[in-house]
Amino acid sequence: MSNKYAPSQIFLHWLTFLLVATAYCTMEFRGLATRGSWQGFAMIIGHFSAGSCVLVLMLSRIMLRFRHRSPAIVPKPPHWQTGLAHLMHLAIYLFFIVLPTLGILSRFYMGRTWWIFGIPMPVSGDPDPDFADTLAGWHETLAPYGYWLIGVHALAALAHHYLFKDNTLVRMMPSRRSR
């Protein structure tokens, strides 16, 4: 068994990271664009597109977890660390499935045209703006917790590498190409 994740898992992990960063940046910096301008429109489309891709990638990553075994951590961590790691990964997977789902459903039920990568998406034939606003409210309330999940995840990876001196971090790093 390899001491690294499958190349497909590593690729999707880092692509998910880039898309999550894009989704958060487009919302954090949307205030820099003039409301109603093409820049503001691009920020919104960028947010919807990145968020939708995160949902697809997270579902793909779950399928890959069933297909590929996780490489062993060497040296083996204590059981409490393994339990916390499983709990943290469950939280991350659930969070980045629920958050974009709430966003997508809020747009669908709003009944107004919205786009992913410039392609118009379907809207409800029976719009419910109140329900859409509720879903959007949940989406906006939950979104800041993603920073905490990402931060704890990154700190744990660094702690494993620098404090615990195990291979947790390097298992998910892309391989270097030999020349």
Protein backbone atom coordinates (compact mmCIF):
# COMPACT_ATOMS: atom_id res chain seq x y z
CA MET A 1 0.00 0.00 0.00
CA SER A 2 1.26 3.48 -0.88
CA ASN A 3 2.20 5.96 1.82
CA LYS A 4 0.29 8.69 -0.08
CA TYR A 5 -3.29 9.26 -1.13
CA ALA A 6 -4.20 8.40 -4.73
CA PRO A 7 -3.23 11.12 -7.22
CA SER A 8 -6.94 11.72 -7.96
CA GLN A 9 -7.62 12.32 -4.25
CA ILE A 10 -4.67 14.71 -3.95
CA PHE A 11 -5.75 16.60 -7.07
CA LEU A 12 -9.37 16.95 -5.89
CA HIS A 13 -8.25 17.99 -2.38
CA TRP A 14 -6.18 20.91 -3.68
CA LEU A 15 -8.70 21.84 -6.37
CA THR A 16 -11.39 21.95 -3.66
CA PHE A 17 -9.10 24.21 -1.62
CA LEU A 18 -8.71 26.62 -4.57
CA LEU A 19 -12.44 26.67 -5.26
CA VAL A 20 -13.35 27.21 -1.61
CA ALA A 21 -10.84 30.08 -1.52
CA THR A 22 -12.40 31.50 -4.70
CA ALA A 23 -15.94 31.24 -3.27
CA TYR A 24 -14.90 33.02 -0.06
CA CYS A 25 -12.83 35.69 -1.86
CA THR A 26 -15.63 36.56 -4.27
CA MET A 27 -17.92 37.23 -1.34
CA GLU A 28 -15.36 39.00 0.85
CA PHE A 29 -14.32 41.34 -1.98
CA ARG A 30 -17.72 41.87 -3.60
CA GLY A 31 -17.93 45.25 -1.88
CA LEU A 32 -15.08 46.47 -4.08
CA ALA A 33 -17.29 46.15 -7.16
CA THR A 34 -19.92 48.74 -7.96
CA ARG A 35 -23.39 47.34 -7.43
CA GLY A 36 -24.98 46.46 -10.77
CA SER A 37 -21.64 46.66 -12.62
CA TRP A 38 -20.13 43.88 -14.72
CA GLN A 39 -17.51 43.40 -11.97
CA GLY A 40 -20.24 42.82 -9.40
CA PHE A 41 -21.99 40.46 -11.79
CA ALA A 42 -18.70 38.58 -12.32
CA MET A 43 -18.19 38.29 -8.55
CA ILE A 44 -21.65 36.78 -8.10
CA ILE A 45 -21.23 34.35 -11.01
CA GLY A 46 -17.76 33.46 -9.68
CA HIS A 47 -19.21 32.76 -6.24
CA PHE A 48 -22.06 30.62 -7.57
CA SER A 49 -19.74 28.76 -9.95
CA ALA A 50 -17.03 28.04 -7.37
CA GLY A 51 -19.57 27.01 -4.73
CA SER A 52 -21.38 24.66 -7.11
CA CYS A 53 -18.07 23.08 -8.09
CA VAL A 54 -17.19 22.60 -4.41
CA LEU A 55 -20.40 20.60 -3.98
CA VAL A 56 -19.60 18.39 -6.97
CA LEU A 57 -16.00 17.89 -5.84
CA MET A 58 -16.96 17.01 -2.27
CA LEU A 59 -19.38 14.37 -3.53
CA SER A 60 -16.66 13.05 -5.86
CA ARG A 61 -14.20 12.96 -2.99
CA ILE A 62 -16.61 10.87 -0.92
CA MET A 63 -16.82 8.34 -3.76
CA LEU A 64 -13.03 8.24 -3.98
CA ARG A 65 -12.77 7.60 -0.23
CA PHE A 66 -14.74 4.40 -0.77
CA ARG A 67 -12.57 3.43 -3.73
CA HIS A 68 -9.16 4.09 -2.15
CA ARG A 69 -8.00 3.22 1.34
CA SER A 70 -6.39 5.99 3.35
CA PRO A 71 -2.64 5.50 3.70
CA ALA A 72 -1.42 4.72 7.19
CA ILE A 73 -0.12 7.49 9.41
CA VAL A 74 3.43 6.70 10.52
CA PRO A 75 4.06 6.68 13.39
CA LYS A 76 0.55 5.65 14.35
CA PRO A 77 -1.24 8.40 16.33
CA PRO A 78 -3.12 7.79 19.58
CA HIS A 79 -6.76 6.70 19.24
CA TRP A 80 -8.07 10.06 20.48
CA GLN A 81 -6.27 11.85 17.63
CA THR A 82 -7.66 9.41 15.08
CA GLY A 83 -11.16 9.93 16.50
CA LEU A 84 -10.83 13.72 16.35
CA ALA A 85 -9.50 13.50 12.79
CA HIS A 86 -12.51 11.44 11.69
CA LEU A 87 -14.87 13.86 13.40
CA MET A 88 -13.14 16.85 11.78
CA HIS A 89 -13.26 15.30 8.31
CA LEU A 90 -16.93 14.46 8.76
CA ALA A 91 -17.59 18.09 9.74
CA ILE A 92 -15.67 19.40 6.72
CA TYR A 93 -17.43 17.08 4.27
CA LEU A 94 -20.88 17.84 5.69
CA PHE A 95 -20.21 21.56 5.84
CA PHE A 96 -19.00 21.85 2.25
CA ILE A 97 -21.95 19.81 1.02
CA VAL A 98 -24.63 21.59 3.06
CA LEU A 99 -23.33 25.14 2.46
CA PRO A 100 -23.40 25.06 -1.36
CA THR A 101 -26.66 23.08 -1.32
CA LEU A 102 -28.29 25.87 0.71
CA GLY A 103 -26.92 28.46 -1.72
CA ILE A 104 -28.12 26.59 -4.80
CA LEU A 105 -31.58 25.94 -3.36
CA SER A 106 -31.94 29.58 -2.30
CA ARG A 107 -31.25 30.69 -5.89
CA PHE A 108 -33.61 28.04 -7.29
CA TYR A 109 -36.53 29.00 -5.04
CA MET A 110 -35.97 32.75 -5.53
CA GLY A 111 -37.41 32.31 -9.02
CA ARG A 112 -34.99 34.75 -10.66
CA THR A 113 -32.40 33.91 -13.29
CA TRP A 114 -28.98 32.97 -11.93
CA TRP A 115 -25.87 31.62 -13.60
CA ILE A 116 -23.06 29.13 -13.16
CA PHE A 117 -20.11 29.81 -15.48
CA GLY A 118 -22.39 32.16 -17.43
CA ILE A 119 -24.94 29.41 -18.08
CA PRO A 120 -28.48 30.18 -16.87
CA MET A 121 -29.64 27.70 -14.24
CA PRO A 122 -33.16 26.40 -13.73
CA VAL A 123 -35.48 28.21 -11.36
CA SER A 124 -38.59 27.06 -9.57
CA GLY A 125 -41.81 27.28 -11.52
CA ASP A 126 -43.45 28.08 -8.20
CA PRO A 127 -41.03 30.56 -6.58
CA ASP A 128 -41.07 31.00 -2.82
CA PRO A 129 -39.01 34.12 -2.00
CA ASP A 130 -39.60 33.75 1.74
CA PHE A 131 -38.23 30.19 1.73
CA ALA A 132 -35.38 31.32 -0.54
CA ASP A 133 -34.53 34.12 1.92
CA THR A 134 -34.57 31.62 4.80
CA LEU A 135 -32.17 29.32 2.94
CA ALA A 136 -29.94 32.26 2.00
CA GLY A 137 -29.95 33.35 5.64
CA TRP A 138 -28.79 29.91 6.77
CA HIS A 139 -26.13 29.96 4.03
CA GLU A 140 -24.85 33.36 5.17
CA THR A 141 -24.99 32.41 8.86
CA LEU A 142 -23.07 29.16 8.37
CA ALA A 143 -20.48 30.46 5.89
CA PRO A 144 -18.14 32.12 8.46
CA TYR A 145 -17.77 28.79 10.30
CA GLY A 146 -15.96 27.50 7.22
CA TYR A 147 -13.02 29.71 8.15
CA TRP A 148 -12.78 27.93 11.49
CA LEU A 149 -13.03 24.46 9.97
CA ILE A 150 -10.38 25.29 7.38
CA GLY A 151 -8.15 26.90 10.00
CA VAL A 152 -8.36 23.99 12.44
CA HIS A 153 -7.78 21.53 9.57
CA ALA A 154 -4.66 23.40 8.42
CA LEU A 155 -3.33 23.81 11.97
CA ALA A 156 -3.83 20.11 12.65
CA ALA A 157 -1.92 19.20 9.47
CA LEU A 158 0.94 21.50 10.47
CA ALA A 159 0.92 20.14 14.04
CA HIS A 160 1.20 16.60 12.72
CA HIS A 161 4.11 17.61 10.52
CA TYR A 162 6.09 19.82 12.91
CA LEU A 163 5.07 18.67 16.42
CA PHE A 164 4.07 15.03 16.08
CA LYS A 165 6.57 14.44 13.24
CA ASP A 166 4.36 11.97 11.38
CA ASN A 167 3.46 11.68 7.70
CA THR A 168 -0.09 13.07 7.90
CA LEU A 169 0.67 16.18 5.85
CA VAL A 170 2.95 14.61 3.25
CA ARG A 171 0.33 11.96 2.44
CA MET A 172 -1.76 14.70 0.78
CA MET A 173 1.07 16.63 -0.89
CA PRO A 174 1.51 16.29 -4.66
CA SER A 175 4.49 14.21 -5.72
CA ARG A 176 7.46 16.00 -7.15
CA ARG A 177 8.29 15.14 -10.72
CA SER A 178 11.75 13.71 -11.19
CA ARG A 179 13.88 15.29 -13.90
